């Protein structure tokens, strides 16, 4: 009998085919179901990789404290792994994130420090506040998910090989957004090592700098996005050097429309970054020959965004309603 603890259940998530979307496109769109990790998101992997790396190097020892600045999901994952292994957690969160994630962090036992949502260049940005707290806290680990390449390495060692094996090596493209850059960089590296012909595509929201970085070589943000925990305005160590072939940019309104279409037509209740990823994957699939296989990442579940992405008042205030009829918006930007 094999018995696993919390950490042991992270990974080996299934690939889910979005069947109705695939039928419409005449190409297969598959989603790596990271919302089925025990902590509920793809960030379980980054958290496990970072904690186990710190334990192996002696950076994190018995009775220690994990400190991180996060939009929510990484903090949730780190707190749960910390609970499992006997560490305390201090999680610094910008105050513009969903109340559901903040409430979950507190329910899990994290010491939650809410700070104003200010730009990275401001020393009161959640990233810098977390760094200072870690410097002042004895026997602590600053997880530093953006720059700690244990994040990227864990995806290269696990997520990428899982996708390759689950598709039997039959994959034409991999499409994903970047929150820290660890997932897309790690998976792209693993897949390219197995078949350099696989097309790797960054799916970027408005407000992020990476679309222009990939397409024009400059970190230039344009517009704004309300999607949480996705998009970067700087070049992180996790994203630097990632083997990315091209990039697509997605408007919030389109990503949210896809999120609701998938709920109503595929039965998948997902968060905003998944809507972004699925739409990006669908657009890339539409540009490839029929029967092509495109894989993306289903990052987390929709229950963490009930007060926003699934709240009619919030959707209307943000201009996301009414949703477009059908799927014409999938190919409208091609």
Protein backbone atom coordinates (compact mmCIF):
# COMPACT_ATOMS: atom_id res chain seq x y z
CA UNK A 1 0.00 0.00 0.00
CA UNK A 2 1.34 3.43 -0.98
CA UNK A 3 0.42 6.25 1.40
CA UNK A 4 1.33 9.85 0.53
CA UNK A 5 1.35 13.03 2.59
CA UNK A 6 0.35 16.46 1.31
CA UNK A 7 3.59 17.08 -0.59
CA UNK A 8 3.59 13.61 -2.06
CA UNK A 9 0.27 14.31 -3.78
CA UNK A 10 1.58 17.34 -5.67
CA UNK A 11 1.96 16.74 -9.39
CA UNK A 12 0.93 13.95 -11.76
CA UNK A 13 -2.22 15.92 -12.52
CA UNK A 14 -4.33 14.72 -15.48
CA UNK A 15 -4.57 16.26 -18.92
CA UNK A 16 -8.16 17.26 -19.62
CA UNK A 17 -9.35 17.61 -23.20
CA UNK A 18 -11.63 20.56 -23.79
CA UNK A 19 -13.80 18.47 -26.06
CA UNK A 20 -16.37 20.96 -27.28
CA UNK A 21 -13.70 23.58 -27.94
CA UNK A 22 -11.59 20.98 -29.75
CA UNK A 23 -14.56 19.94 -31.87
CA UNK A 24 -15.24 23.52 -32.92
CA UNK A 25 -11.57 24.18 -33.76
CA UNK A 26 -10.88 20.75 -35.31
CA UNK A 27 -7.69 20.77 -33.22
CA UNK A 28 -7.15 19.21 -29.80
CA UNK A 29 -6.83 21.64 -26.89
CA UNK A 30 -5.67 19.95 -23.69
CA UNK A 31 -5.38 21.49 -20.23
CA UNK A 32 -2.97 20.36 -17.51
CA UNK A 33 -5.35 20.21 -14.53
CA UNK A 34 -3.18 21.93 -11.94
CA UNK A 35 -6.26 22.98 -9.97
CA UNK A 36 -6.39 19.32 -8.85
CA UNK A 37 -3.19 19.63 -6.85
CA UNK A 38 -3.93 19.21 -3.10
CA UNK A 39 -3.49 22.92 -2.44
CA UNK A 40 -5.69 23.78 -5.41
CA UNK A 41 -3.27 25.42 -7.83
CA UNK A 42 -0.19 25.14 -10.03
CA UNK A 43 1.69 27.03 -7.31
CA UNK A 44 1.81 23.86 -5.23
CA UNK A 45 4.65 22.77 -7.49
CA UNK A 46 6.67 25.96 -7.09
CA UNK A 47 6.17 25.87 -3.32
CA UNK A 48 7.30 22.26 -3.07
CA UNK A 49 10.35 22.89 -5.24
CA UNK A 50 11.36 25.97 -3.26
CA UNK A 51 10.87 24.38 0.18
CA UNK A 52 12.65 21.14 -0.69
CA UNK A 53 15.55 23.06 -2.23
CA UNK A 54 15.86 25.18 0.94
CA UNK A 55 15.75 22.08 3.13
CA UNK A 56 18.44 20.35 1.09
CA UNK A 57 20.79 23.34 1.38
CA UNK A 58 20.06 23.95 5.07
CA UNK A 59 18.50 27.35 4.40
CA UNK A 60 15.28 26.21 6.06
CA UNK A 61 15.58 24.19 9.26
CA UNK A 62 13.30 22.78 11.95
CA UNK A 63 11.04 25.41 13.52
CA UNK A 64 11.76 27.92 10.76
CA UNK A 65 9.49 30.47 9.14
CA UNK A 66 8.59 30.75 5.46
CA UNK A 67 8.14 34.33 4.26
CA UNK A 68 6.72 35.28 0.87
CA UNK A 69 5.11 38.10 -1.02
CA UNK A 70 2.36 36.75 -3.23
CA UNK A 71 -0.94 37.43 -4.96
CA UNK A 72 -2.29 34.47 -3.00
CA UNK A 73 -1.83 31.02 -4.53
CA UNK A 74 1.88 30.62 -3.75
CA UNK A 75 1.22 31.79 -0.21
CA UNK A 76 -1.56 29.23 0.17
CA UNK A 77 0.69 26.44 -1.09
CA UNK A 78 3.65 27.48 1.07
CA UNK A 79 1.44 27.71 4.16
CA UNK A 80 0.04 24.21 3.65
CA UNK A 81 3.47 22.70 3.04
CA UNK A 82 4.73 24.60 6.07
CA UNK A 83 1.90 23.17 8.17
CA UNK A 84 2.81 19.69 6.98
CA UNK A 85 6.52 20.11 7.82
CA UNK A 86 6.34 22.21 10.97
CA UNK A 87 7.16 25.69 9.65
CA UNK A 88 5.40 28.98 10.38
CA UNK A 89 4.34 31.18 7.48
CA UNK A 90 4.28 34.95 7.04
CA UNK A 91 2.55 35.91 3.80
CA UNK A 92 2.57 39.46 2.44
CA UNK A 93 -0.34 40.17 0.08
CA UNK A 94 -1.27 43.32 -1.89
CA UNK A 95 -4.67 44.56 -0.78
CA UNK A 96 -6.21 44.43 -4.27
CA UNK A 97 -6.41 40.62 -4.31
CA UNK A 98 -9.61 38.64 -3.92
CA UNK A 99 -10.99 38.38 -0.38
CA UNK A 100 -11.43 34.62 -0.87
CA UNK A 101 -7.68 34.05 -1.08
CA UNK A 102 -6.98 36.29 1.90
CA UNK A 103 -9.59 34.46 3.95
CA UNK A 104 -8.13 31.09 2.95
CA UNK A 105 -4.63 32.16 3.98
CA UNK A 106 -5.90 33.12 7.42
CA UNK A 107 -7.93 29.91 7.70
CA UNK A 108 -4.80 27.91 6.89
CA UNK A 109 -2.98 29.64 9.75
CA UNK A 110 -0.72 32.06 7.89
CA UNK A 111 0.33 35.34 9.45
CA UNK A 112 -1.14 37.54 6.69
CA UNK A 113 0.32 41.02 6.19
CA UNK A 114 -1.80 43.15 3.84
CA UNK A 115 0.03 46.01 2.14
CA UNK A 116 -1.07 48.65 -0.39
CA UNK A 117 -0.95 47.56 -4.03
CA UNK A 118 1.87 49.78 -5.31
CA UNK A 119 4.32 49.41 -8.23
CA UNK A 120 7.44 47.25 -7.93
CA UNK A 121 9.60 50.37 -7.92
CA UNK A 122 7.99 51.44 -4.62
CA UNK A 123 9.75 50.07 -1.54
CA UNK A 124 6.34 49.33 -0.02
CA UNK A 125 5.54 46.86 -2.80
CA UNK A 126 4.67 43.45 -1.35
CA UNK A 127 7.84 41.90 -2.82
CA UNK A 128 10.16 44.28 -0.98
CA UNK A 129 8.14 44.13 2.24
CA UNK A 130 8.46 40.33 2.26
CA UNK A 131 12.20 40.58 1.70
CA UNK A 132 12.62 42.96 4.65
CA UNK A 133 10.47 40.80 6.93
CA UNK A 134 12.61 37.76 6.07
CA UNK A 135 15.80 39.70 6.78
CA UNK A 136 14.43 40.63 10.21
CA UNK A 137 13.06 37.16 11.10
CA UNK A 138 15.50 34.62 12.58
CA UNK A 139 15.63 31.16 10.95
CA UNK A 140 13.48 32.22 8.02
CA UNK A 141 13.30 31.49 4.30
CA UNK A 142 12.33 34.20 1.87
CA UNK A 143 10.78 32.01 -0.82
CA UNK A 144 11.35 34.70 -3.48
CA UNK A 145 9.30 32.85 -6.08
CA UNK A 146 10.10 35.33 -8.86
CA UNK A 147 13.88 35.00 -8.68
CA UNK A 148 14.34 31.60 -7.02
CA UNK A 149 15.02 29.24 -9.93
CA UNK A 150 14.08 26.20 -7.82
CA UNK A 151 10.60 27.22 -9.04
CA UNK A 152 11.51 26.87 -12.72
CA UNK A 153 13.65 23.79 -12.13
CA UNK A 154 10.80 21.89 -10.44
CA UNK A 155 8.54 22.47 -13.46
CA UNK A 156 11.32 21.36 -15.78
CA UNK A 157 11.72 18.18 -13.73
CA UNK A 158 8.02 17.38 -13.26
CA UNK A 159 5.38 19.32 -15.22
CA UNK A 160 7.13 19.26 -18.58
CA UNK A 161 7.99 15.53 -18.53
CA UNK A 162 4.44 14.71 -17.38
CA UNK A 163 2.97 16.56 -20.37
CA UNK A 164 5.36 14.78 -22.74
CA UNK A 165 4.45 11.36 -21.34
CA UNK A 166 0.71 12.05 -21.19
CA UNK A 167 0.63 13.12 -24.84
CA UNK A 168 2.91 10.27 -25.92
CA UNK A 169 5.18 12.95 -27.34
CA UNK A 170 2.45 14.08 -29.73
CA UNK A 171 2.28 17.76 -28.92
CA UNK A 172 2.57 20.59 -31.43
CA UNK A 173 2.44 23.62 -29.13
CA UNK A 174 2.53 24.61 -25.48
CA UNK A 175 0.85 27.88 -24.47
CA UNK A 176 0.93 29.50 -21.02
CA UNK A 177 0.96 32.84 -19.25
CA UNK A 178 3.70 33.93 -16.85
CA UNK A 179 3.13 34.91 -13.22
CA UNK A 180 6.72 34.41 -12.07
CA UNK A 181 7.88 32.78 -15.30
CA UNK A 182 8.68 29.48 -13.60
CA UNK A 183 5.93 27.35 -15.13
CA UNK A 184 6.27 28.40 -18.76
CA UNK A 185 10.07 28.49 -18.68
CA UNK A 186 10.42 25.11 -16.97
CA UNK A 187 7.85 23.34 -19.14
CA UNK A 188 9.14 24.92 -22.36
CA UNK A 189 12.70 23.85 -21.53
CA UNK A 190 11.62 20.27 -20.82
CA UNK A 191 9.56 20.00 -24.01
CA UNK A 192 12.16 21.64 -26.25
CA UNK A 193 14.78 19.22 -24.92
CA UNK A 194 12.60 16.35 -26.15
CA UNK A 195 11.46 17.91 -29.42
CA UNK A 196 12.79 21.32 -30.54
CA UNK A 197 9.95 21.59 -33.08
CA UNK A 198 7.31 22.07 -30.38
CA UNK A 199 6.10 25.66 -30.58
CA UNK A 200 6.24 27.42 -27.19
CA UNK A 201 4.03 30.46 -26.78
CA UNK A 202 3.68 33.08 -24.06
CA UNK A 203 0.07 34.16 -23.46
CA UNK A 204 0.26 37.63 -21.88
CA UNK A 205 -2.43 39.88 -20.36
CA UNK A 206 -2.57 43.62 -20.89
CA UNK A 207 -0.43 45.51 -18.39
CA UNK A 208 2.40 42.98 -18.59
CA UNK A 209 5.74 43.74 -20.26
CA UNK A 210 6.54 40.27 -21.54
CA UNK A 211 4.56 40.35 -24.80
CA UNK A 212 6.71 43.23 -26.02
CA UNK A 213 9.82 41.61 -24.58
CA UNK A 214 9.29 38.42 -26.59
CA UNK A 215 8.16 40.14 -29.78
CA UNK A 216 10.33 43.29 -29.73
CA UNK A 217 13.03 42.74 -27.14
CA UNK A 218 11.91 45.53 -24.82
CA UNK A 219 10.11 45.50 -21.47
CA UNK A 220 7.22 47.79 -22.33
CA UNK A 221 3.86 47.41 -20.57
CA UNK A 222 0.70 48.53 -22.35
CA UNK A 223 -2.80 48.85 -20.91
CA UNK A 224 -4.11 47.32 -17.68
CA UNK A 225 -5.52 44.02 -16.45
CA UNK A 226 -7.75 42.98 -13.56
CA UNK A 227 -6.65 39.33 -13.69
CA UNK A 228 -4.86 38.32 -10.51
CA UNK A 229 -1.37 36.88 -10.18
CA UNK A 230 -0.54 36.87 -13.88
CA UNK A 231 1.70 39.05 -16.03
CA UNK A 232 5.07 40.62 -15.15
CA UNK A 233 6.51 44.08 -15.75
CA UNK A 234 10.14 43.02 -15.30
CA UNK A 235 12.43 40.21 -16.42
CA UNK A 236 12.68 37.65 -13.62
CA UNK A 237 15.41 35.04 -13.26
CA UNK A 238 12.78 32.36 -13.76
CA UNK A 239 11.72 33.75 -17.15
CA UNK A 240 15.13 34.91 -18.38
CA UNK A 241 16.44 32.73 -21.18
CA UNK A 242 13.21 30.73 -21.50
CA UNK A 243 12.96 29.09 -24.95
CA UNK A 244 9.81 30.95 -26.05
CA UNK A 245 9.08 31.10 -29.78
CA UNK A 246 6.31 33.68 -29.88
CA UNK A 247 3.74 35.56 -27.81
CA UNK A 248 0.05 36.45 -27.98
CA UNK A 249 -1.71 39.13 -25.98
CA UNK A 250 -5.21 38.71 -24.57
CA UNK A 251 -7.71 41.33 -23.43
CA UNK A 252 -9.37 40.76 -20.03
CA UNK A 253 -12.86 40.85 -21.55
CA UNK A 254 -11.98 38.00 -23.91
CA UNK A 255 -10.28 35.92 -21.22
CA UNK A 256 -13.27 36.29 -18.89
CA UNK A 257 -15.67 35.41 -21.72
CA UNK A 258 -13.67 32.25 -22.40
CA UNK A 259 -13.69 31.41 -18.69
CA UNK A 260 -17.49 31.47 -18.63
CA UNK A 261 -17.79 29.65 -21.97
CA UNK A 262 -15.63 26.83 -20.58
CA UNK A 263 -17.75 26.65 -17.42
CA UNK A 264 -20.98 26.44 -19.40
CA UNK A 265 -19.72 24.14 -22.16
CA UNK A 266 -16.94 22.03 -20.63
CA UNK A 267 -18.02 21.87 -16.98
CA UNK A 268 -14.75 23.34 -15.73
CA UNK A 269 -14.91 25.98 -12.98
CA UNK A 270 -11.61 27.82 -13.26
CA UNK A 271 -9.80 31.03 -12.34
CA UNK A 272 -8.92 33.97 -14.55
CA UNK A 273 -5.45 32.87 -15.62
CA UNK A 274 -6.98 29.66 -16.96
CA UNK A 275 -9.37 31.67 -19.15
CA UNK A 276 -6.37 33.58 -20.47
CA UNK A 277 -4.44 30.36 -21.13
CA UNK A 278 -7.33 28.57 -22.82
CA UNK A 279 -8.05 31.47 -25.15
CA UNK A 280 -4.36 31.76 -26.02
CA UNK A 281 -4.18 28.02 -26.68
CA UNK A 282 -7.32 28.18 -28.85
CA UNK A 283 -5.91 31.01 -30.94
CA UNK A 284 -2.61 29.22 -31.46
CA UNK A 285 -4.46 25.98 -32.29
CA UNK A 286 -6.52 27.86 -34.90
CA UNK A 287 -3.31 28.89 -36.66
CA UNK A 288 -1.99 25.30 -36.85
CA UNK A 289 -3.00 22.47 -39.21
CA UNK A 290 -6.12 20.48 -38.36
CA UNK A 291 -5.63 17.69 -35.79
CA UNK A 292 -2.79 19.58 -34.13
CA UNK A 293 -2.40 19.15 -30.35
CA UNK A 294 -1.99 22.22 -28.12
CA UNK A 295 -1.46 21.99 -24.35
CA UNK A 296 -2.01 24.72 -21.77
CA UNK A 297 -2.26 25.03 -17.99
CA UNK A 298 -5.47 25.16 -15.93
CA UNK A 299 -3.94 27.03 -13.03
CA UNK A 300 -6.56 27.13 -10.27
CA UNK A 301 -10.27 26.86 -9.52
CA UNK A 302 -12.96 29.49 -9.76
CA UNK A 303 -13.97 29.30 -6.10
CA UNK A 304 -11.13 31.72 -5.26
CA UNK A 305 -12.74 34.40 -7.44
CA UNK A 306 -16.45 34.14 -6.62
CA UNK A 307 -16.69 37.77 -5.54
CA UNK A 308 -15.15 38.96 -8.80
CA UNK A 309 -15.03 36.80 -11.92
CA UNK A 310 -18.34 35.12 -11.04
CA UNK A 311 -20.08 38.13 -9.54
CA UNK A 312 -22.48 39.87 -11.93
CA UNK A 313 -22.08 43.28 -10.31
CA UNK A 314 -18.26 43.15 -10.50
CA UNK A 315 -18.35 41.86 -14.08
CA UNK A 316 -20.70 44.64 -15.15
CA UNK A 317 -18.65 47.34 -13.39
CA UNK A 318 -15.52 46.13 -15.19
CA UNK A 319 -17.24 46.10 -18.57
CA UNK A 320 -17.12 42.34 -19.08
CA UNK A 321 -20.87 41.98 -19.68
CA UNK A 322 -22.59 41.05 -21.84
CA UNK A 323 -20.49 38.05 -22.93
CA UNK A 324 -20.15 37.54 -26.68
CA UNK A 325 -22.29 34.86 -28.26
CA UNK A 326 -20.48 31.82 -29.64
CA UNK A 327 -16.72 31.61 -30.14
CA UNK A 328 -16.11 34.19 -32.85
CA UNK A 329 -13.81 36.09 -30.48
CA UNK A 330 -11.38 33.14 -30.47
CA UNK A 331 -10.23 33.82 -34.02
CA UNK A 332 -11.03 37.53 -34.18
CA UNK A 333 -7.45 38.55 -33.32
CA UNK A 334 -5.73 36.17 -35.77
